[in-house]
Amino acid sequence: MVTGAVAGFDGGDVLVLLDGDAPGLPSGRVPRHELTWRDVRDPSDVLTVGQRIRAEVTMRGGHDGRTLLSARACEDEALYGFLRGLGRGAVVAGTVSSVHRFGAFVRIDGEPGHPVYAGTGFINVPQLSWSRFEDPAEVVAPGQRIRVEVLASDTRRGQVALSLKALQSDPWDELAVAAGDVLAGPVTMVIPFGAFVRVNECVEGLVHSDELGGRSAEEGQELRVRVLEVDRARRRIRLGLAD
């Protein structure tokens, strides 16, 4: 965090005379979108020349040589301190506050609240579960209590990236199949070049159209398949029909 005084305005940006700058030579710039969480039309509506501000450095040596700053990152002192205190790998508890097609917001226990979002925590779709699902609402629901792992804490966005599946067992670690094994499973998805078949609760294998031999497959259909190849490095299983 750095401190300084508002030196003037440049369009929608704020020029900042950072502590230590030579008089009259402001080296800091706060772009308009980094000014505040509030909806303001003009920076002069919320700041005046000479006003002291705190900001976080986002880039040194911008297009005009000035240091780019984010004032909104430090606007809420309690939120800033909370986010700074969360490190990657920390396990936290919270309550799902809202669920959307793109993921779920989480109100983390002890958070001071967010000025815009429904919670400081957010789980994007790939981090919700190892299992295939169509809608995040199949995995979590508003009001649900969960434990999650912190992936990153972003003071500029005022958000914590979380993972629910990081605290779940990796299904590939428990996968006990090998080339030559014969098993049965339902078709989970049909695509132009084949069909996916569930091998266990969270892992699927692909039966390529060449292996179907002209036969059609439908979602939900039970197929007996033979494991042709298990590629653990790429997390892929190639299957063929067993009969």
C-alpha atoms as a PDB file:
ATOM      1  CA  MET A   1       0.000   0.000   0.000  1.00  0.00           C
ATOM      2  CA  VAL A   2       1.215   3.516  -0.815  1.00  0.00           C
ATOM      3  CA  THR A   3      -0.045   6.916   0.253  1.00  0.00           C
ATOM      4  CA  GLY A   4      -0.127  10.320  -1.347  1.00  0.00           C
ATOM      5  CA  ALA A   5      -2.219  13.365  -2.178  1.00  0.00           C
ATOM      6  CA  VAL A   6      -4.525  14.063  -5.111  1.00  0.00           C
ATOM      7  CA  ALA A   7      -2.606  16.360  -7.474  1.00  0.00           C
ATOM      8  CA  GLY A   8      -5.248  16.763 -10.159  1.00  0.00           C
ATOM      9  CA  PHE A   9      -7.446  15.034 -12.701  1.00  0.00           C
ATOM     10  CA  ASP A  10      -6.700  13.779 -16.199  1.00  0.00           C
ATOM     11  CA  GLY A  11      -9.967  12.912 -17.897  1.00  0.00           C
ATOM     12  CA  GLY A  12     -11.465  10.204 -15.721  1.00  0.00           C
ATOM     13  CA  ASP A  13      -8.156   9.406 -14.018  1.00  0.00           C
ATOM     14  CA  VAL A  14      -6.730  10.805 -10.809  1.00  0.00           C
ATOM     15  CA  LEU A  15      -3.113  11.996 -10.636  1.00  0.00           C
ATOM     16  CA  VAL A  16      -1.450  11.348  -7.300  1.00  0.00           C
ATOM     17  CA  LEU A  17       1.587  12.995  -5.746  1.00  0.00           C
ATOM     18  CA  LEU A  18       2.976   9.994  -3.924  1.00  0.00           C
ATOM     19  CA  ASP A  19       4.840  10.493  -0.674  1.00  0.00           C
ATOM     20  CA  GLY A  20       8.448  11.059  -1.694  1.00  0.00           C
ATOM     21  CA  ASP A  21       7.651  12.601  -5.088  1.00  0.00           C
ATOM     22  CA  ALA A  22       9.213  15.919  -6.020  1.00  0.00           C
ATOM     23  CA  PRO A  23       6.714  18.795  -5.598  1.00  0.00           C
ATOM     24  CA  GLY A  24       4.561  19.258  -8.691  1.00  0.00           C
ATOM     25  CA  LEU A  25       5.638  15.944 -10.242  1.00  0.00           C
ATOM     26  CA  PRO A  26       2.933  13.389  -9.440  1.00  0.00           C
ATOM     27  CA  SER A  27       4.155   9.886 -10.264  1.00  0.00           C
ATOM     28  CA  GLY A  28       0.920   8.017  -9.521  1.00  0.00           C
ATOM     29  CA  ARG A  29      -2.206   7.524 -11.615  1.00  0.00           C
ATOM     30  CA  VAL A  30      -5.498   5.969 -10.514  1.00  0.00           C
ATOM     31  CA  PRO A  31      -7.537   4.899 -13.572  1.00  0.00           C
ATOM     32  CA  ARG A  32     -11.224   5.688 -13.273  1.00  0.00           C
ATOM     33  CA  HIS A  33     -12.255   2.032 -12.923  1.00  0.00           C
ATOM     34  CA  GLU A  34      -9.802   1.620 -10.021  1.00  0.00           C
ATOM     35  CA  LEU A  35     -11.072   4.623  -8.084  1.00  0.00           C
ATOM     36  CA  THR A  36     -13.994   3.373  -6.002  1.00  0.00           C
ATOM     37  CA  TRP A  37     -16.584   0.638  -5.608  1.00  0.00           C
ATOM     38  CA  ARG A  38     -19.237   3.354  -5.746  1.00  0.00           C
ATOM     39  CA  ASP A  39     -20.906   4.410  -8.980  1.00  0.00           C
ATOM     40  CA  VAL A  40     -19.559   7.899  -9.720  1.00  0.00           C
ATOM     41  CA  ARG A  41     -19.626   9.949 -12.906  1.00  0.00           C
ATOM     42  CA  ASP A  42     -16.576  12.066 -12.230  1.00  0.00           C
ATOM     43  CA  PRO A  43     -13.613  11.571  -9.859  1.00  0.00           C
ATOM     44  CA  SER A  44     -14.028  15.140  -8.618  1.00  0.00           C
ATOM     45  CA  ASP A  45     -17.384  14.078  -7.164  1.00  0.00           C
ATOM     46  CA  VAL A  46     -15.577  12.033  -4.500  1.00  0.00           C
ATOM     47  CA  LEU A  47     -12.066  13.518  -4.355  1.00  0.00           C
ATOM     48  CA  THR A  48     -10.571  16.987  -4.112  1.00  0.00           C
ATOM     49  CA  VAL A  49      -7.094  18.258  -4.929  1.00  0.00           C
ATOM     50  CA  GLY A  50      -4.869  17.880  -1.883  1.00  0.00           C
ATOM     51  CA  GLN A  51      -6.941  15.078  -0.364  1.00  0.00           C
ATOM     52  CA  ARG A  52      -4.883  12.245   1.112  1.00  0.00           C
ATOM     53  CA  ILE A  53      -5.535   8.771  -0.288  1.00  0.00           C
ATOM     54  CA  ARG A  54      -4.224   5.229   0.057  1.00  0.00           C
ATOM     55  CA  ALA A  55      -3.798   2.921  -2.902  1.00  0.00           C
ATOM     56  CA  GLU A  56      -2.295  -0.348  -4.032  1.00  0.00           C
ATOM     57  CA  VAL A  57       0.310  -0.453  -6.794  1.00  0.00           C
ATOM     58  CA  THR A  58      -0.932  -2.413  -9.817  1.00  0.00           C
ATOM     59  CA  MET A  59       1.810  -1.570 -12.326  1.00  0.00           C
ATOM     60  CA  ARG A  60       4.971   0.475 -12.317  1.00  0.00           C
ATOM     61  CA  GLY A  61       5.804   2.511 -15.390  1.00  0.00           C
ATOM     62  CA  GLY A  62       2.490   2.772 -17.229  1.00  0.00           C
ATOM     63  CA  HIS A  63       2.115   4.221 -20.712  1.00  0.00           C
ATOM     64  CA  ASP A  64       3.055   7.696 -19.431  1.00  0.00           C
ATOM     65  CA  GLY A  65       5.705   6.436 -17.022  1.00  0.00           C
ATOM     66  CA  ARG A  66       3.491   6.847 -13.983  1.00  0.00           C
ATOM     67  CA  THR A  67       2.797   4.150 -11.413  1.00  0.00           C
ATOM     68  CA  LEU A  68      -0.713   2.749 -11.856  1.00  0.00           C
ATOM     69  CA  LEU A  69      -2.704   2.514  -8.654  1.00  0.00           C
ATOM     70  CA  SER A  70      -5.933   1.035  -7.332  1.00  0.00           C
ATOM     71  CA  ALA A  71      -7.655   3.174  -4.721  1.00  0.00           C
ATOM     72  CA  ARG A  72     -10.696   0.928  -4.472  1.00  0.00           C
ATOM     73  CA  ALA A  73      -8.478  -1.963  -3.312  1.00  0.00           C
ATOM     74  CA  CYS A  74      -7.869   0.002  -0.092  1.00  0.00           C
ATOM     75  CA  GLU A  75     -11.193   1.835   0.065  1.00  0.00           C
ATOM     76  CA  ASP A  76     -12.662  -0.500   2.683  1.00  0.00           C
ATOM     77  CA  GLU A  77      -9.946  -0.917   5.305  1.00  0.00           C
ATOM     78  CA  ALA A  78     -11.629  -3.908   6.957  1.00  0.00           C
ATOM     79  CA  LEU A  79     -12.106  -5.702   3.626  1.00  0.00           C
ATOM     80  CA  TYR A  80      -8.526  -4.958   2.568  1.00  0.00           C
ATOM     81  CA  GLY A  81      -7.146  -6.365   5.808  1.00  0.00           C
ATOM     82  CA  PHE A  82      -9.350  -9.451   5.573  1.00  0.00           C
ATOM     83  CA  LEU A  83      -8.249 -10.218   2.012  1.00  0.00           C
ATOM     84  CA  ARG A  84      -4.582  -9.647   2.817  1.00  0.00           C
ATOM     85  CA  GLY A  85      -4.865 -12.156   5.639  1.00  0.00           C
ATOM     86  CA  LEU A  86      -5.978 -15.025   3.399  1.00  0.00           C
ATOM     87  CA  GLY A  87      -3.182 -17.020   1.796  1.00  0.00           C
ATOM     88  CA  ARG A  88      -3.259 -19.668  -0.900  1.00  0.00           C
ATOM     89  CA  GLY A  89      -4.003 -23.094   0.540  1.00  0.00           C
ATOM     90  CA  ALA A  90      -5.883 -21.842   3.592  1.00  0.00           C
ATOM     91  CA  VAL A  91      -9.070 -23.749   4.392  1.00  0.00           C
ATOM     92  CA  VAL A  92     -12.041 -21.590   5.365  1.00  0.00           C
ATOM     93  CA  ALA A  93     -15.722 -22.112   6.103  1.00  0.00           C
ATOM     94  CA  GLY A  94     -18.610 -20.079   4.809  1.00  0.00           C
ATOM     95  CA  THR A  95     -22.171 -19.949   3.565  1.00  0.00           C
ATOM     96  CA  VAL A  96     -23.216 -20.037  -0.084  1.00  0.00           C
ATOM     97  CA  SER A  97     -24.911 -16.681  -0.665  1.00  0.00           C
ATOM     98  CA  SER A  98     -25.969 -16.997  -4.318  1.00  0.00           C
ATOM     99  CA  VAL A  99     -25.645 -19.445  -7.202  1.00  0.00           C
ATOM    100  CA  HIS A 100     -25.322 -18.515 -10.872  1.00  0.00           C
ATOM    101  CA  ARG A 101     -24.553 -20.250 -14.161  1.00  0.00           C
ATOM    102  CA  PHE A 102     -20.948 -19.048 -13.880  1.00  0.00           C
ATOM    103  CA  GLY A 103     -20.365 -20.159 -10.280  1.00  0.00           C
ATOM    104  CA  ALA A 104     -21.285 -19.462  -6.670  1.00  0.00           C
ATOM    105  CA  PHE A 105     -20.635 -16.598  -4.265  1.00  0.00           C
ATOM    106  CA  VAL A 106     -19.693 -17.491  -0.710  1.00  0.00           C
ATOM    107  CA  ARG A 107     -19.878 -15.375   2.419  1.00  0.00           C
ATOM    108  CA  ILE A 108     -16.742 -16.438   4.263  1.00  0.00           C
ATOM    109  CA  ASP A 109     -16.971 -16.651   8.045  1.00  0.00           C
ATOM    110  CA  GLY A 110     -15.545 -13.475   9.553  1.00  0.00           C
ATOM    111  CA  GLU A 111     -15.611 -11.402   6.379  1.00  0.00           C
ATOM    112  CA  PRO A 112     -16.628  -7.747   6.757  1.00  0.00           C
ATOM    113  CA  GLY A 113     -18.976  -7.888   3.764  1.00  0.00           C
ATOM    114  CA  HIS A 114     -18.460  -6.745   0.199  1.00  0.00           C
ATOM    115  CA  PRO A 115     -19.680  -3.396  -1.193  1.00  0.00           C
ATOM    116  CA  VAL A 116     -20.905  -5.022  -4.432  1.00  0.00           C
ATOM    117  CA  TYR A 117     -20.847  -8.826  -4.416  1.00  0.00           C
ATOM    118  CA  ALA A 118     -23.001 -11.206  -2.398  1.00  0.00           C
ATOM    119  CA  GLY A 119     -19.853 -12.426  -0.660  1.00  0.00           C
ATOM    120  CA  THR A 120     -16.096 -12.001  -0.889  1.00  0.00           C
ATOM    121  CA  GLY A 121     -15.636 -15.647  -1.871  1.00  0.00           C
ATOM    122  CA  PHE A 122     -16.321 -17.034  -5.327  1.00  0.00           C
ATOM    123  CA  ILE A 123     -16.161 -20.585  -6.709  1.00  0.00           C
ATOM    124  CA  ASN A 124     -16.057 -20.762 -10.486  1.00  0.00           C
ATOM    125  CA  VAL A 125     -17.654 -23.710 -12.258  1.00  0.00           C
ATOM    126  CA  PRO A 126     -14.541 -25.913 -12.727  1.00  0.00           C
ATOM    127  CA  GLN A 127     -13.769 -25.683  -8.991  1.00  0.00           C
ATOM    128  CA  LEU A 128     -17.171 -26.877  -7.785  1.00  0.00           C
ATOM    129  CA  SER A 129     -16.868 -30.633  -8.248  1.00  0.00           C
ATOM    130  CA  TRP A 130     -14.967 -33.466  -9.902  1.00  0.00           C
ATOM    131  CA  SER A 131     -18.298 -34.839 -11.148  1.00  0.00           C
ATOM    132  CA  ARG A 132     -19.945 -33.712 -14.370  1.00  0.00           C
ATOM    133  CA  PHE A 133     -22.941 -31.412 -13.868  1.00  0.00           C
ATOM    134  CA  GLU A 134     -25.062 -29.127 -16.016  1.00  0.00           C
ATOM    135  CA  ASP A 135     -25.889 -26.414 -13.501  1.00  0.00           C
ATOM    136  CA  PRO A 136     -23.999 -25.232 -10.386  1.00  0.00           C
ATOM    137  CA  ALA A 137     -27.325 -25.476  -8.547  1.00  0.00           C
ATOM    138  CA  GLU A 138     -26.885 -29.255  -8.744  1.00  0.00           C
ATOM    139  CA  VAL A 139     -23.809 -28.942  -6.519  1.00  0.00           C
ATOM    140  CA  VAL A 140     -24.510 -26.111  -4.057  1.00  0.00           C
ATOM    141  CA  ALA A 141     -27.498 -24.088  -2.890  1.00  0.00           C
ATOM    142  CA  PRO A 142     -27.966 -20.704  -1.174  1.00  0.00           C
ATOM    143  CA  GLY A 143     -27.680 -21.065   2.583  1.00  0.00           C
ATOM    144  CA  GLN A 144     -25.552 -24.214   2.376  1.00  0.00           C
ATOM    145  CA  ARG A 145     -22.582 -24.385   4.736  1.00  0.00           C
ATOM    146  CA  ILE A 146     -19.331 -25.459   3.058  1.00  0.00           C
ATOM    147  CA  ARG A 147     -15.593 -25.747   3.648  1.00  0.00           C
ATOM    148  CA  VAL A 148     -13.379 -24.557   0.804  1.00  0.00           C
ATOM    149  CA  GLU A 149      -9.726 -23.984  -0.042  1.00  0.00           C
ATOM    150  CA  VAL A 150      -8.362 -20.549  -0.928  1.00  0.00           C
ATOM    151  CA  LEU A 151      -6.796 -20.420  -4.401  1.00  0.00           C
ATOM    152  CA  ALA A 152      -6.059 -16.685  -4.490  1.00  0.00           C
ATOM    153  CA  SER A 153      -7.022 -13.463  -2.728  1.00  0.00           C
ATOM    154  CA  ASP A 154      -7.402 -10.430  -4.998  1.00  0.00           C
ATOM    155  CA  THR A 155      -7.574  -7.063  -3.238  1.00  0.00           C
ATOM    156  CA  ARG A 156      -8.209  -5.181  -6.513  1.00  0.00           C
ATOM    157  CA  ARG A 157     -11.352  -7.173  -7.206  1.00  0.00           C
ATOM    158  CA  GLY A 158     -12.169  -7.532  -3.543  1.00  0.00           C
ATOM    159  CA  GLN A 159     -12.620 -11.231  -4.068  1.00  0.00           C
ATOM    160  CA  VAL A 160     -11.281 -14.588  -2.926  1.00  0.00           C
ATOM    161  CA  ALA A 161     -11.049 -17.417  -5.468  1.00  0.00           C
ATOM    162  CA  LEU A 162     -12.156 -20.626  -3.768  1.00  0.00           C
ATOM    163  CA  SER A 163     -12.241 -24.326  -4.577  1.00  0.00           C
ATOM    164  CA  LEU A 164     -14.764 -26.810  -3.241  1.00  0.00           C
ATOM    165  CA  LYS A 165     -13.348 -29.788  -5.122  1.00  0.00           C
ATOM    166  CA  ALA A 166      -9.837 -29.182  -3.732  1.00  0.00           C
ATOM    167  CA  LEU A 167     -11.075 -30.696  -0.459  1.00  0.00           C
ATOM    168  CA  GLN A 168     -12.587 -33.698  -2.243  1.00  0.00           C
ATOM    169  CA  SER A 169     -10.654 -36.832  -3.161  1.00  0.00           C
ATOM    170  CA  ASP A 170      -9.284 -36.801  -6.692  1.00  0.00           C
ATOM    171  CA  PRO A 171     -11.200 -39.630  -8.402  1.00  0.00           C
ATOM    172  CA  TRP A 172      -8.160 -40.445 -10.537  1.00  0.00           C
ATOM    173  CA  ASP A 173      -6.209 -41.324  -7.393  1.00  0.00           C
ATOM    174  CA  GLU A 174      -8.807 -43.985  -6.609  1.00  0.00           C
ATOM    175  CA  LEU A 175      -9.308 -45.204 -10.176  1.00  0.00           C
ATOM    176  CA  ALA A 176      -8.633 -48.948 -10.339  1.00  0.00           C
ATOM    177  CA  VAL A 177      -8.965 -49.804 -14.023  1.00  0.00           C
ATOM    178  CA  ALA A 178      -6.390 -50.966 -16.542  1.00  0.00           C
ATOM    179  CA  ALA A 179      -6.214 -51.763 -20.239  1.00  0.00           C
ATOM    180  CA  GLY A 180      -8.143 -54.958 -20.945  1.00  0.00           C
ATOM    181  CA  ASP A 181     -10.678 -54.555 -18.145  1.00  0.00           C
ATOM    182  CA  VAL A 182     -14.329 -55.017 -19.082  1.00  0.00           C
ATOM    183  CA  LEU A 183     -16.940 -52.964 -17.286  1.00  0.00           C
ATOM    184  CA  ALA A 184     -20.420 -51.540 -17.716  1.00  0.00           C
ATOM    185  CA  GLY A 185     -21.586 -47.961 -17.396  1.00  0.00           C
ATOM    186  CA  PRO A 186     -24.165 -45.474 -18.647  1.00  0.00           C
ATOM    187  CA  VAL A 187     -23.619 -43.171 -21.602  1.00  0.00           C
ATOM    188  CA  THR A 188     -23.340 -39.650 -20.167  1.00  0.00           C
ATOM    189  CA  MET A 189     -22.907 -37.669 -23.374  1.00  0.00           C
ATOM    190  CA  VAL A 190     -23.084 -38.293 -27.113  1.00  0.00           C
ATOM    191  CA  ILE A 191     -20.852 -36.162 -29.337  1.00  0.00           C
ATOM    192  CA  PRO A 192     -20.216 -36.178 -33.110  1.00  0.00           C
ATOM    193  CA  PHE A 193     -17.144 -38.410 -32.806  1.00  0.00           C
ATOM    194  CA  GLY A 194     -18.308 -40.830 -30.129  1.00  0.00           C
ATOM    195  CA  ALA A 195     -19.848 -41.218 -26.697  1.00  0.00           C
ATOM    196  CA  PHE A 196     -18.686 -40.789 -23.119  1.00  0.00           C
ATOM    197  CA  VAL A 197     -19.334 -43.644 -20.701  1.00  0.00           C
ATOM    198  CA  ARG A 198     -19.120 -43.322 -16.917  1.00  0.00           C
ATOM    199  CA  VAL A 199     -16.320 -45.490 -15.546  1.00  0.00           C
ATOM    200  CA  ASN A 200     -16.842 -44.566 -11.900  1.00  0.00           C
ATOM    201  CA  GLU A 201     -18.723 -41.835 -10.043  1.00  0.00           C
ATOM    202  CA  CYS A 202     -16.548 -38.995 -11.374  1.00  0.00           C
ATOM    203  CA  VAL A 203     -14.518 -40.416 -14.275  1.00  0.00           C
ATOM    204  CA  GLU A 204     -15.669 -40.981 -17.837  1.00  0.00           C
ATOM    205  CA  GLY A 205     -14.079 -42.666 -20.823  1.00  0.00           C
ATOM    206  CA  LEU A 206     -14.570 -42.068 -24.530  1.00  0.00           C
ATOM    207  CA  VAL A 207     -15.815 -44.667 -26.976  1.00  0.00           C
ATOM    208  CA  HIS A 208     -14.729 -43.245 -30.318  1.00  0.00           C
ATOM    209  CA  SER A 209     -17.189 -43.531 -33.196  1.00  0.00           C
ATOM    210  CA  ASP A 210     -14.741 -45.913 -34.925  1.00  0.00           C
ATOM    211  CA  GLU A 211     -15.123 -48.266 -31.954  1.00  0.00           C
ATOM    212  CA  LEU A 212     -18.918 -48.119 -32.085  1.00  0.00           C
ATOM    213  CA  GLY A 213     -18.870 -49.921 -35.432  1.00  0.00           C
ATOM    214  CA  GLY A 214     -21.812 -47.998 -36.805  1.00  0.00           C
ATOM    215  CA  ARG A 215     -23.957 -48.592 -33.726  1.00  0.00           C
ATOM    216  CA  SER A 216     -25.765 -45.639 -32.203  1.00  0.00           C
ATOM    217  CA  ALA A 217     -25.585 -44.666 -28.545  1.00  0.00           C
ATOM    218  CA  GLU A 218     -28.032 -42.686 -26.439  1.00  0.00           C
ATOM    219  CA  GLU A 219     -27.609 -40.857 -23.154  1.00  0.00           C
ATOM    220  CA  GLY A 220     -28.543 -43.128 -20.273  1.00  0.00           C
ATOM    221  CA  GLN A 221     -27.954 -46.287 -22.295  1.00  0.00           C
ATOM    222  CA  GLU A 222     -25.941 -48.952 -20.458  1.00  0.00           C
ATOM    223  CA  LEU A 223     -22.910 -50.182 -22.401  1.00  0.00           C
ATOM    224  CA  ARG A 224     -20.427 -52.978 -21.756  1.00  0.00           C
ATOM    225  CA  VAL A 225     -17.038 -51.607 -22.692  1.00  0.00           C
ATOM    226  CA  ARG A 226     -13.435 -52.722 -22.726  1.00  0.00           C
ATOM    227  CA  VAL A 227     -10.690 -50.401 -21.510  1.00  0.00           C
ATOM    228  CA  LEU A 228      -8.269 -49.836 -24.391  1.00  0.00           C
ATOM    229  CA  GLU A 229      -5.976 -47.249 -22.820  1.00  0.00           C
ATOM    230  CA  VAL A 230      -5.629 -45.336 -19.553  1.00  0.00           C
ATOM    231  CA  ASP A 231      -3.662 -42.094 -19.882  1.00  0.00           C
ATOM    232  CA  ARG A 232      -3.310 -40.804 -16.323  1.00  0.00           C
ATOM    233  CA  ALA A 233      -1.055 -37.914 -17.307  1.00  0.00           C
ATOM    234  CA  ARG A 234      -3.750 -36.486 -19.614  1.00  0.00           C
ATOM    235  CA  ARG A 235      -6.601 -37.860 -17.482  1.00  0.00           C
ATOM    236  CA  ARG A 236      -8.171 -39.704 -20.401  1.00  0.00           C
ATOM    237  CA  ILE A 237      -9.559 -43.202 -20.884  1.00  0.00           C
ATOM    238  CA  ARG A 238     -10.111 -44.752 -24.303  1.00  0.00           C
ATOM    239  CA  LEU A 239     -12.824 -47.381 -24.497  1.00  0.00           C
ATOM    240  CA  GLY A 240     -14.192 -49.862 -27.015  1.00  0.00           C
ATOM    241  CA  LEU A 241     -17.303 -52.003 -27.046  1.00  0.00           C
ATOM    242  CA  ALA A 242     -16.870 -55.302 -25.210  1.00  0.00           C
ATOM    243  CA  ASP A 243     -19.307 -57.150 -27.465  1.00  0.00           C
END
